[in-house]
Protein backbone atom coordinates (compact mmCIF):
# COMPACT_ATOMS: atom_id res chain seq x y z
CA MET A 1 0.00 -0.08 -0.03
CA TYR A 2 3.02 2.29 0.75
CA ASN A 3 4.47 1.72 -2.70
CA LYS A 4 1.15 2.52 -4.58
CA ALA A 5 0.89 5.77 -2.50
CA VAL A 6 4.36 6.81 -3.82
CA ILE A 7 3.83 5.92 -7.11
CA LYS A 8 0.58 7.81 -7.22
CA ASN A 9 2.40 11.09 -5.83
CA ILE A 10 5.44 10.62 -8.21
CA LYS A 11 3.22 10.24 -11.13
CA ASP A 12 1.52 13.27 -9.54
CA SER A 13 4.26 15.47 -9.77
CA ASN A 14 5.32 14.05 -12.78
CA HIS A 15 2.16 15.45 -14.46
CA LEU A 16 2.30 18.77 -12.13
CA SER A 17 5.57 19.12 -14.06
CA SER A 18 4.83 18.47 -17.34
CA ALA A 19 1.57 20.82 -16.15
CA ASP A 20 3.63 23.84 -15.12
CA SER A 21 6.20 23.47 -17.87
CA ASP A 22 3.38 23.90 -20.46
CA CYS A 23 1.96 27.21 -18.16
CA ILE A 24 5.57 28.19 -18.55
CA GLN A 25 5.08 28.16 -22.20
CA ARG A 26 2.17 29.54 -22.58
CA ILE A 27 3.57 32.37 -20.22
CA ASN A 28 6.57 32.94 -22.43
CA GLU A 29 4.69 33.38 -25.52
CA LEU A 30 2.41 35.61 -23.89
CA ILE A 31 5.47 37.93 -23.21
CA ASP A 32 6.81 37.30 -26.33
CA SER A 33 3.24 38.59 -27.79
CA MET A 34 3.42 41.58 -25.13
CA SER A 35 7.14 42.64 -26.20
CA LEU A 36 6.15 42.52 -29.95
CA LEU A 37 3.05 44.64 -29.09
CA GLU A 38 4.73 47.12 -27.30
CA GLN A 39 7.66 47.31 -30.37
CA LYS A 40 4.93 48.21 -32.83
CA ILE A 41 3.10 50.29 -30.20
CA THR A 42 6.79 52.42 -29.96
CA ASN A 43 7.21 52.09 -33.76
CA GLU A 44 3.64 53.78 -34.36
CA ALA A 45 4.21 56.44 -32.03
CA GLU A 46 7.39 57.57 -34.19
CA ILE A 47 5.60 57.34 -37.19
CA ILE A 48 2.58 59.77 -35.33
CA LYS A 49 5.32 62.30 -34.12
CA GLU A 50 6.77 62.54 -37.53
CA HIS A 51 3.13 63.89 -38.56
CA TYR A 52 2.52 65.66 -36.03
CA ARG A 53 6.13 67.65 -36.89
CA LYS A 54 4.96 67.92 -40.08
CA ALA A 55 1.67 69.21 -39.38
CA SER A 56 3.34 72.14 -36.74
CA SER A 57 5.44 73.42 -39.57
CA ALA A 58 2.78 73.96 -41.81
CA MET A 59 0.79 75.49 -39.59
CA LYS A 60 0.57 79.41 -39.82
CA GLU A 61 1.41 81.54 -36.81
CA THR A 62 -1.88 82.39 -36.60
CA GLN A 63 -3.29 78.89 -36.26
CA ASN A 64 -3.78 76.26 -33.68
CA TYR A 65 -5.62 73.31 -32.61
CA PHE A 66 -6.69 72.05 -29.81
CA LEU A 67 -5.89 68.69 -28.53
CA ASN A 68 -9.38 67.98 -27.07
CA GLY A 69 -8.90 64.73 -24.79
CA ILE A 70 -5.22 64.30 -25.08
CA GLN A 71 -3.58 64.28 -21.42
CA ASP A 72 0.31 63.88 -20.22
CA GLY A 73 -0.74 63.71 -17.08
CA GLN A 74 -2.75 65.01 -14.33
CA PRO A 75 -4.16 67.61 -13.63
CA ALA A 76 -5.67 67.80 -17.16
CA LYS A 77 -4.45 70.88 -19.42
CA SER A 78 -5.47 72.35 -22.96
CA TYR A 79 -3.20 71.39 -25.09
CA LEU A 80 -2.67 73.34 -28.52
CA LEU A 81 -0.63 72.29 -31.47
CA THR A 82 0.92 75.32 -33.32
CA CYS A 83 3.75 75.90 -35.72
CA LYS A 84 5.90 76.38 -32.44
CA GLY A 85 4.99 72.67 -30.77
CA ILE A 86 2.81 72.02 -28.21
CA GLU A 87 1.43 74.97 -26.11
CA VAL A 88 -0.25 75.39 -23.15
CA LEU A 89 -1.49 78.98 -22.08
CA GLY A 90 1.01 80.60 -19.42
CA GLU A 91 3.70 77.69 -19.92
CA GLU A 92 6.80 77.22 -22.31
CA VAL A 93 6.37 75.31 -25.39
CA ILE A 94 6.80 71.56 -25.35
CA PRO A 95 8.47 69.93 -27.52
CA ILE A 96 5.90 67.57 -29.95
CA ASP A 97 7.97 64.25 -29.45
CA MET A 98 8.46 64.69 -25.60
CA PHE A 99 4.66 65.60 -25.65
CA ILE A 100 3.74 62.25 -27.58
CA ASP A 101 6.04 60.46 -25.32
CA ASN A 102 4.71 61.72 -22.13
CA VAL A 103 1.19 61.15 -23.30
CA LEU A 104 1.91 57.37 -24.32
CA ARG A 105 3.50 56.94 -20.54
CA PHE A 106 0.61 58.42 -18.82
CA ALA A 107 -1.84 56.22 -20.74
CA ASN A 108 0.10 53.64 -18.88
CA TYR A 109 -1.29 50.35 -20.44
CA PRO A 110 -0.79 49.03 -24.29
CA LYS A 111 -4.79 48.79 -24.92
CA ARG A 112 -4.65 52.33 -23.27
CA LYS A 113 -1.82 53.59 -25.56
CA MET A 114 -3.58 52.15 -28.53
CA GLU A 115 -6.80 54.42 -28.09
CA VAL A 116 -4.52 57.10 -27.51
CA MET A 117 -2.85 56.69 -30.59
CA LYS A 118 -6.40 56.58 -32.19
CA ASP A 119 -7.43 59.76 -30.63
CA LEU A 120 -4.38 61.33 -31.99
CA THR A 121 -4.36 60.40 -35.24
CA MET A 122 -7.92 61.28 -35.63
CA HIS A 123 -6.97 64.88 -34.25
CA LEU A 124 -4.41 64.77 -37.15
CA GLN A 125 -6.88 64.19 -39.74
CA LYS A 126 -8.60 67.16 -38.69
CA ILE A 127 -5.31 69.16 -38.69
CA SER A 128 -4.52 68.28 -42.06
CA GLN A 129 -7.91 69.06 -43.66
CA MET A 130 -7.71 72.58 -41.29
CA ILE A 131 -4.08 73.55 -42.95
CA SER A 132 -5.52 72.17 -46.31
CA GLU A 133 -8.55 74.83 -45.97
CA SER A 134 -6.29 77.64 -44.96
CA MET A 135 -4.07 76.92 -47.76
CA THR A 136 -7.07 77.40 -50.53
CA THR A 137 -8.72 80.64 -48.41
């Protein structure tokens, strides 16, 4: 009877060992997937920064665009894209790259970062439209 219990425990531990290995492998795959996702987010953020720099440089001195709903920290502020970069009334101009990095850092989680990048892209479409319309008038 003792031998059967020992053998059963050995079999159970082997089964657990195999299950643990499978679990570890799946977790490692998740980690790899998350790393790939984070790299894609970083790459896309660089493209967005480039588009914002171009949009800013195409703006006239009198133009600005309110980045409604975009935050880079607490408390929330009113950020304007201008020909100088990102402006907040009464504060120094924030370089576009630094601003977008801060916005994404504040977003914190990959899903929220993607939502923020989508918002930034939607704003970018409106900015491009505003710039195009000002060139035709």
